[in-house]
Amino acid sequence: MTDVVADQKDFYQRKKVPTEIKHLILEKYIASWGGIILQGNKGRRVRLAFVDTCAGSGLFGSYDIEAEPLLGSPLIGINSLHALATHERNINCDMQSKALLIEKDEKTFRSLKAAIEKYAPNQENVEAIHGEFAEKIDNLLQFCEDYFSLVLIDPFGPSSVPFWAVSRVVAQKYTDITMHFPSNAILRMSGHLTYEPANRISQERVKWLDDFFGSPDWRKIVDSSLSTEEKEERWIQFYLDRLRLFSKDILPISIPLLFETKERPIYHLIFMTRNLSGLMEMKRIMQQAKEYEAFRREQVKQQMRIEKTRQGELFEIEKTASVPSVNIDELAKQLHHKFKSKSVTREVVYRFAIFLENVLKTNIDKALTLLKRQRLLETPAGKASLNQLLKFL
């Protein structure tokens, strides 16, 4: 029998806002991801795998010490996949699912095993491995073989996630990835470049960055003329460009995640896929999550003020749209300018427009409808599909 689940004080006392947002994105995306794959493989057996490479204990402490602990990413992933599989079996779909959890710390791994026993359904489909992500990369790739896979690469703090290991995961054809990109740690450690020749600690920090990026060329971005935000954006782009050397067809997007007490991101969440429908759905989920993030940050700040002053506040935080709305007229003009006098598939238009700031699939469809009303676009009769040919006039 595995150790009993540890007392809540052994877990993080509560989820920070960025963790809440990551978990919200994970839960929503698994349902959408599975649905997209099942829709595209009707009549065939579908195999789905969830992998958490830095699983942790699987649990977080609740605000209420008497309450059940809150689920972490491994158990959220397992439960979300199980719910999807149960639904599909109920409508006679042929679907298999399994999960792989990797955790390097021995004590945390024991707690993870206990949490699986208590909170995970279908435990026979869950495999837990004690070890580090990079050391277990062959296990991971073998586990995902012949499965559509969703892989989380999300270490706690600036732990080692070497580029060579990540690139091997990215190279897998049927794999989606969400990854923690430690923007603030990279910025902080890049300052050691000045002291590297004579300082052992600086040598270790610079080597960590060389291993993380898989190249020393990240150093070219350490430029005093760039703002912090510009450096972070260039490091992310440099990292993604490096990954494209191993998989030219990946479609990546990223969002910054904010803590409740800091106004600049400590890290970004990167999502990578080859599936255009998955990318468009993830962008929608991420935008919803950013709106919820703004709401939760204000809630937590208010609670912190109450705890500090011991005085209640007589208003409730209202949810507001934190993502600017898209001007459909302007988007239609942009699409017409880009594709004027060309015939392209709807997929080509989506692949261009989905990377525009704040633009979602629904916005693109509205812009195309507007162009059609303006007689600037011709479309064939019938149901819209990615292969539908659009003629821009």
Protein backbone atom coordinates (compact mmCIF):
# COMPACT_ATOMS: atom_id res chain seq x y z
CA MET A 1 0.00 0.00 0.00
CA THR A 2 1.36 3.41 -0.98
CA ASP A 3 1.84 6.05 1.71
CA VAL A 4 -1.35 7.81 2.73
CA VAL A 5 -1.92 11.17 1.12
CA ALA A 6 0.14 13.72 3.01
CA ASP A 7 -1.43 16.43 5.12
CA GLN A 8 -2.33 19.59 3.20
CA LYS A 9 0.53 21.48 4.78
CA ASP A 10 2.86 19.30 2.72
CA PHE A 11 1.43 20.78 -0.48
CA TYR A 12 1.49 24.35 -1.68
CA GLN A 13 -0.83 26.25 0.61
CA ARG A 14 -2.94 27.43 -2.30
CA LYS A 15 -2.83 27.70 -6.05
CA LYS A 16 -1.36 30.94 -7.27
CA VAL A 17 -3.36 32.68 -9.98
CA PRO A 18 -1.04 31.54 -12.84
CA THR A 19 -1.48 27.93 -11.69
CA GLU A 20 -5.26 28.36 -11.64
CA ILE A 21 -5.13 29.68 -15.20
CA LYS A 22 -2.91 26.83 -16.44
CA HIS A 23 -5.25 24.29 -14.89
CA LEU A 24 -8.30 25.98 -16.38
CA ILE A 25 -6.68 25.91 -19.83
CA LEU A 26 -5.70 22.26 -19.41
CA GLU A 27 -9.16 21.10 -18.36
CA LYS A 28 -10.93 22.96 -21.18
CA TYR A 29 -8.43 21.99 -23.85
CA ILE A 30 -8.50 18.26 -23.14
CA ALA A 31 -12.25 18.18 -23.80
CA SER A 32 -11.85 20.21 -27.02
CA TRP A 33 -8.71 18.35 -28.14
CA GLY A 34 -10.34 14.97 -27.74
CA GLY A 35 -13.47 16.17 -29.53
CA ILE A 36 -11.47 17.49 -32.51
CA ILE A 37 -9.54 14.22 -32.86
CA LEU A 38 -12.66 12.08 -32.51
CA GLN A 39 -14.51 14.20 -35.06
CA GLY A 40 -11.68 13.76 -37.56
CA ASN A 41 -11.47 9.99 -37.00
CA LYS A 42 -15.10 8.87 -37.09
CA GLY A 43 -15.51 5.13 -37.43
CA ARG A 44 -11.93 4.44 -36.34
CA ARG A 45 -10.42 3.52 -32.99
CA VAL A 46 -8.96 6.61 -31.32
CA ARG A 47 -6.10 6.41 -28.83
CA LEU A 48 -5.42 9.41 -26.56
CA ALA A 49 -2.52 9.81 -24.14
CA PHE A 50 -1.91 12.46 -21.49
CA VAL A 51 1.63 13.00 -20.16
CA ASP A 52 2.71 15.25 -17.29
CA THR A 53 6.51 15.36 -17.29
CA CYS A 54 6.84 17.33 -14.02
CA ALA A 55 3.84 16.01 -12.14
CA GLY A 56 4.51 17.17 -8.58
CA SER A 57 2.40 15.75 -5.75
CA GLY A 58 -0.80 15.96 -7.76
CA LEU A 59 -2.53 18.02 -5.08
CA PHE A 60 -2.72 21.56 -3.73
CA GLY A 61 -3.94 22.74 -0.35
CA SER A 62 -7.42 24.24 -0.19
CA TYR A 63 -8.20 27.65 1.31
CA ASP A 64 -10.33 25.68 3.76
CA ILE A 65 -8.08 23.36 5.77
CA GLU A 66 -11.07 21.07 6.41
CA ALA A 67 -11.85 20.73 2.70
CA GLU A 68 -10.50 18.16 0.30
CA PRO A 69 -7.23 19.20 -1.37
CA LEU A 70 -7.41 20.75 -4.83
CA LEU A 71 -6.31 18.71 -7.82
CA GLY A 72 -3.06 19.52 -9.60
CA SER A 73 -2.34 19.12 -13.31
CA PRO A 74 -1.75 15.31 -13.32
CA LEU A 75 -5.11 14.56 -11.72
CA ILE A 76 -6.93 17.24 -13.71
CA GLY A 77 -5.53 15.66 -16.87
CA ILE A 78 -6.44 12.12 -15.82
CA ASN A 79 -9.96 13.06 -14.74
CA SER A 80 -10.65 15.20 -17.81
CA LEU A 81 -9.50 12.42 -20.14
CA HIS A 82 -11.54 9.87 -18.20
CA ALA A 83 -14.67 12.05 -18.49
CA LEU A 84 -14.12 12.35 -22.24
CA ALA A 85 -13.60 8.60 -22.63
CA THR A 86 -16.70 7.81 -20.55
CA HIS A 87 -18.81 10.13 -22.70
CA GLU A 88 -17.53 8.61 -25.92
CA ARG A 89 -18.10 5.04 -24.74
CA ASN A 90 -21.66 5.99 -23.80
CA ILE A 91 -22.29 6.93 -27.43
CA ASN A 92 -20.55 3.78 -28.68
CA CYS A 93 -17.32 5.39 -29.88
CA ASP A 94 -14.18 3.25 -29.88
CA MET A 95 -11.70 5.19 -27.75
CA GLN A 96 -8.74 4.24 -25.55
CA SER A 97 -6.98 6.56 -23.12
CA LYS A 98 -4.03 6.39 -20.76
CA ALA A 99 -1.79 8.70 -18.74
CA LEU A 100 1.92 8.89 -17.86
CA LEU A 101 3.16 10.92 -14.89
CA ILE A 102 6.85 11.67 -14.26
CA GLU A 103 8.18 13.15 -11.00
CA LYS A 104 11.84 13.45 -9.99
CA ASP A 105 11.62 14.13 -6.22
CA GLU A 106 11.28 10.89 -4.24
CA LYS A 107 9.08 12.22 -1.41
CA THR A 108 6.84 14.10 -3.85
CA PHE A 109 6.60 10.97 -6.00
CA ARG A 110 5.32 8.95 -3.03
CA SER A 111 2.64 11.58 -2.42
CA LEU A 112 1.76 11.51 -6.12
CA LYS A 113 1.27 7.74 -6.03
CA ALA A 114 -0.99 8.07 -2.99
CA ALA A 115 -2.98 10.85 -4.66
CA ILE A 116 -3.49 8.67 -7.74
CA GLU A 117 -4.84 5.84 -5.58
CA LYS A 118 -7.31 8.15 -3.88
CA TYR A 119 -8.39 10.58 -6.60
CA ALA A 120 -7.75 9.00 -10.01
CA PRO A 121 -10.35 6.86 -11.81
CA ASN A 122 -9.19 3.92 -13.93
CA GLN A 123 -5.84 3.64 -12.15
CA GLU A 124 -4.87 0.70 -14.33
CA ASN A 125 -4.52 3.18 -17.22
CA VAL A 126 -2.18 5.46 -15.24
CA GLU A 127 1.58 4.90 -15.14
CA ALA A 128 3.77 6.88 -12.73
CA ILE A 129 7.57 7.00 -13.11
CA HIS A 130 10.10 8.29 -10.59
CA GLY A 131 12.74 10.25 -12.48
CA GLU A 132 13.54 13.43 -14.39
CA PHE A 133 11.93 14.41 -17.68
CA ALA A 134 15.13 14.34 -19.75
CA GLU A 135 16.23 11.02 -18.25
CA LYS A 136 12.87 9.41 -19.08
CA ILE A 137 12.48 10.80 -22.59
CA ASP A 138 12.70 7.34 -24.20
CA ASN A 139 9.96 6.07 -21.87
CA LEU A 140 7.81 9.06 -22.83
CA LEU A 141 8.24 8.59 -26.57
CA GLN A 142 7.54 4.87 -26.36
CA PHE A 143 4.43 5.55 -24.24
CA CYS A 144 3.08 8.00 -26.84
CA GLU A 145 3.76 5.80 -29.86
CA ASP A 146 0.60 5.31 -31.97
CA TYR A 147 -1.39 7.64 -29.70
CA PHE A 148 -2.58 11.21 -30.11
CA SER A 149 -0.77 12.76 -27.15
CA LEU A 150 -0.96 15.88 -25.03
CA VAL A 151 2.32 16.48 -23.19
CA LEU A 152 2.85 18.99 -20.36
CA ILE A 153 6.40 20.26 -19.80
CA ASP A 154 5.99 22.41 -16.72
CA PRO A 155 8.77 22.17 -14.11
CA PHE A 156 8.53 23.95 -10.78
CA GLY A 157 10.96 26.87 -10.86
CA PRO A 158 13.91 27.12 -13.26
CA SER A 159 14.51 23.36 -13.38
CA SER A 160 16.46 21.84 -16.22
CA VAL A 161 14.38 21.28 -19.37
CA PRO A 162 17.12 20.79 -21.97
CA PHE A 163 16.32 21.71 -25.54
CA TRP A 164 17.45 18.37 -26.94
CA ALA A 165 14.75 16.58 -24.91
CA VAL A 166 11.97 19.05 -25.77
CA SER A 167 12.88 18.90 -29.47
CA ARG A 168 12.44 15.11 -29.44
CA VAL A 169 8.90 15.51 -28.10
CA VAL A 170 8.09 18.26 -30.61
CA ALA A 171 9.27 16.02 -33.46
CA GLN A 172 6.47 13.51 -32.72
CA LYS A 173 3.78 13.87 -35.37
CA TYR A 174 0.62 13.44 -33.29
CA THR A 175 1.70 15.33 -30.19
CA ASP A 176 0.43 18.60 -28.73
CA ILE A 177 2.57 20.32 -26.10
CA THR A 178 2.03 22.93 -23.43
CA MET A 179 5.26 24.25 -22.00
CA HIS A 180 6.36 26.55 -19.21
CA PHE A 181 8.75 29.18 -20.62
CA PRO A 182 10.55 30.75 -17.60
CA SER A 183 10.85 34.32 -18.91
CA ASN A 184 11.89 35.95 -15.64
CA ALA A 185 14.42 33.24 -14.76
CA ILE A 186 16.01 33.59 -18.21
CA LEU A 187 16.19 37.36 -17.84
CA ARG A 188 17.70 37.05 -14.36
CA MET A 189 20.24 34.39 -15.30
CA SER A 190 21.26 36.21 -18.48
CA GLY A 191 22.83 38.84 -16.22
CA HIS A 192 25.48 36.27 -15.27
CA LEU A 193 26.93 36.47 -18.77
CA THR A 194 29.09 39.42 -17.69
CA TYR A 195 30.67 37.44 -14.82
CA GLU A 196 30.85 34.03 -16.49
CA PRO A 197 34.62 33.84 -17.17
CA ALA A 198 35.63 34.16 -13.51
CA ASN A 199 32.61 33.06 -11.47
CA ARG A 200 31.57 29.43 -10.97
CA ILE A 201 27.91 30.29 -10.20
CA SER A 202 27.75 32.44 -13.32
CA GLN A 203 29.26 29.63 -15.39
CA GLU A 204 26.50 27.27 -14.13
CA ARG A 205 23.73 29.79 -14.91
CA VAL A 206 25.03 30.45 -18.42
CA LYS A 207 25.40 26.72 -19.09
CA TRP A 208 21.78 26.23 -17.95
CA LEU A 209 20.69 28.77 -20.57
CA ASP A 210 22.87 27.17 -23.26
CA ASP A 211 21.22 23.81 -22.49
CA PHE A 212 17.72 25.30 -22.34
CA PHE A 213 18.02 27.01 -25.74
CA GLY A 214 20.21 24.30 -27.26
CA SER A 215 22.50 27.03 -28.58
CA PRO A 216 24.70 29.84 -27.24
CA ASP A 217 23.07 32.25 -29.71
CA TRP A 218 20.55 33.38 -27.08
CA ARG A 219 23.37 35.63 -25.86
CA LYS A 220 22.95 37.88 -28.90
CA ILE A 221 19.63 39.03 -27.41
CA VAL A 222 21.32 40.32 -24.24
CA ASP A 223 21.28 43.89 -25.50
CA SER A 224 20.92 46.88 -23.18
CA SER A 225 19.02 48.81 -25.85
CA LEU A 226 16.11 46.35 -25.64
CA SER A 227 13.35 46.59 -23.07
CA THR A 228 12.58 43.62 -20.82
CA GLU A 229 9.45 42.86 -22.86
CA GLU A 230 11.40 42.98 -26.14
CA LYS A 231 14.04 40.60 -24.80
CA GLU A 232 11.40 38.14 -23.62
CA GLU A 233 9.56 38.25 -26.94
CA ARG A 234 12.81 37.68 -28.86
CA TRP A 235 13.87 34.80 -26.61
CA ILE A 236 10.51 33.10 -27.10
CA GLN A 237 10.71 33.62 -30.87
CA PHE A 238 14.32 32.38 -30.94
CA TYR A 239 13.28 29.27 -29.00
CA LEU A 240 10.35 28.54 -31.32
CA ASP A 241 12.50 29.14 -34.41
CA ARG A 242 14.98 26.60 -33.05
CA LEU A 243 12.21 24.05 -32.54
CA ARG A 244 11.04 24.56 -36.14
CA LEU A 245 14.36 23.15 -37.28
CA PHE A 246 13.08 19.80 -35.97
CA SER A 247 9.46 20.24 -37.00
CA LYS A 248 8.69 22.89 -39.61
CA ASP A 249 4.93 22.36 -39.41
CA ILE A 250 4.36 23.15 -35.72
CA LEU A 251 1.89 25.94 -34.96
CA PRO A 252 2.78 27.74 -31.73
CA ILE A 253 1.06 30.39 -29.63
CA SER A 254 1.93 31.77 -26.20
CA ILE A 255 0.42 33.86 -23.44
CA PRO A 256 2.02 35.63 -20.47
CA LEU A 257 0.79 34.56 -17.04
CA LEU A 258 0.58 37.12 -14.24
CA PHE A 259 0.86 36.68 -10.50
CA GLU A 260 -1.59 38.59 -8.33
CA THR A 261 1.04 40.98 -6.93
CA LYS A 262 3.25 41.54 -10.00
CA GLU A 263 2.42 43.51 -13.13
CA ARG A 264 4.87 41.76 -15.46
CA PRO A 265 4.88 38.06 -16.34
CA ILE A 266 7.21 35.70 -14.53
CA TYR A 267 6.74 33.12 -17.25
CA HIS A 268 4.80 32.42 -20.43
CA LEU A 269 2.74 29.40 -21.40
CA ILE A 270 3.61 28.10 -24.87
CA PHE A 271 1.30 25.77 -26.79
CA MET A 272 2.48 23.83 -29.85
CA THR A 273 0.47 21.68 -32.25
CA ARG A 274 0.26 20.63 -35.90
CA ASN A 275 -3.53 20.69 -35.89
CA LEU A 276 -4.99 24.00 -37.09
CA SER A 277 -8.37 23.31 -35.47
CA GLY A 278 -6.60 22.59 -32.18
CA LEU A 279 -4.62 25.81 -32.44
CA MET A 280 -7.73 27.92 -33.10
CA GLU A 281 -9.55 26.28 -30.20
CA MET A 282 -6.60 26.77 -27.83
CA LYS A 283 -6.41 30.46 -28.75
CA ARG A 284 -10.09 30.84 -27.85
CA ILE A 285 -9.53 29.04 -24.53
CA MET A 286 -6.46 31.15 -23.77
CA GLN A 287 -8.36 34.38 -24.36
CA GLN A 288 -11.14 33.24 -22.05
CA ALA A 289 -8.51 32.31 -19.49
CA LYS A 290 -6.90 35.76 -19.69
CA GLU A 291 -10.25 37.35 -18.87
CA TYR A 292 -10.65 35.03 -15.91
CA GLU A 293 -7.07 35.82 -14.86
CA ALA A 294 -7.89 39.55 -14.61
CA PHE A 295 -10.96 38.73 -12.51
CA ARG A 296 -9.06 36.37 -10.17
CA ARG A 297 -6.15 38.77 -9.71
CA GLU A 298 -8.52 41.47 -8.50
CA GLN A 299 -10.30 39.01 -6.23
CA VAL A 300 -7.05 37.89 -4.63
CA LYS A 301 -5.77 41.46 -4.27
CA GLN A 302 -8.99 42.41 -2.51
CA GLN A 303 -8.70 39.44 -0.16
CA MET A 304 -5.10 40.38 0.64
CA ARG A 305 -6.20 43.93 1.48
CA ILE A 306 -8.92 42.60 3.76
CA GLU A 307 -6.45 40.32 5.54
CA LYS A 308 -3.98 43.17 5.94
CA THR A 309 -6.39 45.87 7.15
CA ARG A 310 -8.90 43.50 8.83
CA GLN A 311 -11.63 45.54 7.17
CA GLY A 312 -14.08 44.12 4.70
CA GLU A 313 -14.75 45.72 1.31
CA LEU A 314 -18.37 46.30 0.36
CA PHE A 315 -18.24 45.45 -3.33
CA GLU A 316 -17.88 42.37 -5.47
CA ILE A 317 -15.33 42.11 -8.24
CA GLU A 318 -17.08 41.99 -11.59
CA LYS A 319 -15.84 40.04 -14.56
CA THR A 320 -14.82 42.37 -17.38
CA ALA A 321 -13.44 41.74 -20.85
CA SER A 322 -9.66 42.11 -20.64
CA VAL A 323 -9.08 41.21 -24.30
CA PRO A 324 -9.94 44.03 -26.74
CA SER A 325 -12.71 43.27 -29.23
CA VAL A 326 -11.77 42.74 -32.87
CA ASN A 327 -12.88 45.29 -35.47
CA ILE A 328 -14.48 43.06 -38.11
CA ASP A 329 -14.44 45.80 -40.77
CA GLU A 330 -10.69 46.28 -40.34
CA LEU A 331 -10.07 42.54 -40.30
CA ALA A 332 -12.06 42.12 -43.53
CA LYS A 333 -9.97 44.86 -45.18
CA GLN A 334 -6.78 43.16 -44.00
CA LEU A 335 -7.85 39.79 -45.40
CA HIS A 336 -8.88 41.34 -48.72
CA HIS A 337 -5.56 43.19 -49.00
CA LYS A 338 -3.65 39.98 -48.24
CA PHE A 339 -5.51 37.70 -50.67
CA LYS A 340 -6.90 40.08 -53.32
CA SER A 341 -7.20 38.47 -56.78
CA LYS A 342 -6.23 35.07 -55.34
CA SER A 343 -8.08 31.79 -54.86
CA VAL A 344 -7.04 30.08 -51.64
CA THR A 345 -8.53 27.51 -49.30
CA ARG A 346 -10.23 28.56 -46.09
CA GLU A 347 -7.38 26.83 -44.26
CA VAL A 348 -4.83 29.22 -45.80
CA VAL A 349 -6.88 32.20 -44.59
CA TYR A 350 -7.18 30.74 -41.10
CA ARG A 351 -3.43 30.01 -40.91
CA PHE A 352 -2.72 33.66 -41.69
CA ALA A 353 -5.40 35.39 -39.62
CA ILE A 354 -5.33 33.29 -36.45
CA PHE A 355 -1.90 34.71 -35.60
CA LEU A 356 -3.19 38.30 -35.72
CA GLU A 357 -3.57 39.86 -32.29
CA ASN A 358 -6.79 38.84 -30.47
CA VAL A 359 -8.31 37.34 -33.64
CA LEU A 360 -10.33 34.13 -33.19
CA LYS A 361 -11.93 31.77 -35.70
CA THR A 362 -15.35 33.38 -35.16
CA ASN A 363 -13.87 36.79 -36.05
CA ILE A 364 -12.35 35.40 -39.25
CA ASP A 365 -15.65 33.82 -40.27
CA LYS A 366 -17.50 37.10 -39.68
CA ALA A 367 -14.93 39.01 -41.75
CA LEU A 368 -15.30 36.51 -44.61
CA THR A 369 -19.08 36.81 -44.46
CA LEU A 370 -18.75 40.60 -44.63
CA LEU A 371 -16.50 40.36 -47.71
CA LYS A 372 -19.02 38.07 -49.36
CA ARG A 373 -21.83 40.59 -48.72
CA GLN A 374 -19.62 43.31 -50.19
CA ARG A 375 -19.11 41.14 -53.30
CA LEU A 376 -15.38 40.99 -52.67
CA LEU A 377 -15.38 37.26 -52.08
CA GLU A 378 -16.94 34.27 -53.80
CA THR A 379 -17.45 30.92 -52.07
CA PRO A 380 -18.90 27.67 -53.42
CA ALA A 381 -22.26 26.47 -52.18
CA GLY A 382 -22.32 23.96 -49.36
CA LYS A 383 -20.94 23.59 -45.87
CA ALA A 384 -17.75 25.47 -45.03
CA SER A 385 -14.65 23.33 -44.54
CA LEU A 386 -10.90 23.84 -44.34
CA ASN A 387 -10.61 22.70 -47.97
CA GLN A 388 -13.28 25.09 -49.24
CA LEU A 389 -11.91 27.32 -52.01
CA LEU A 390 -12.32 31.07 -51.45
CA LYS A 391 -12.00 33.44 -54.43
CA PHE A 392 -11.01 36.99 -53.41
CA LEU A 393 -12.08 39.58 -56.04
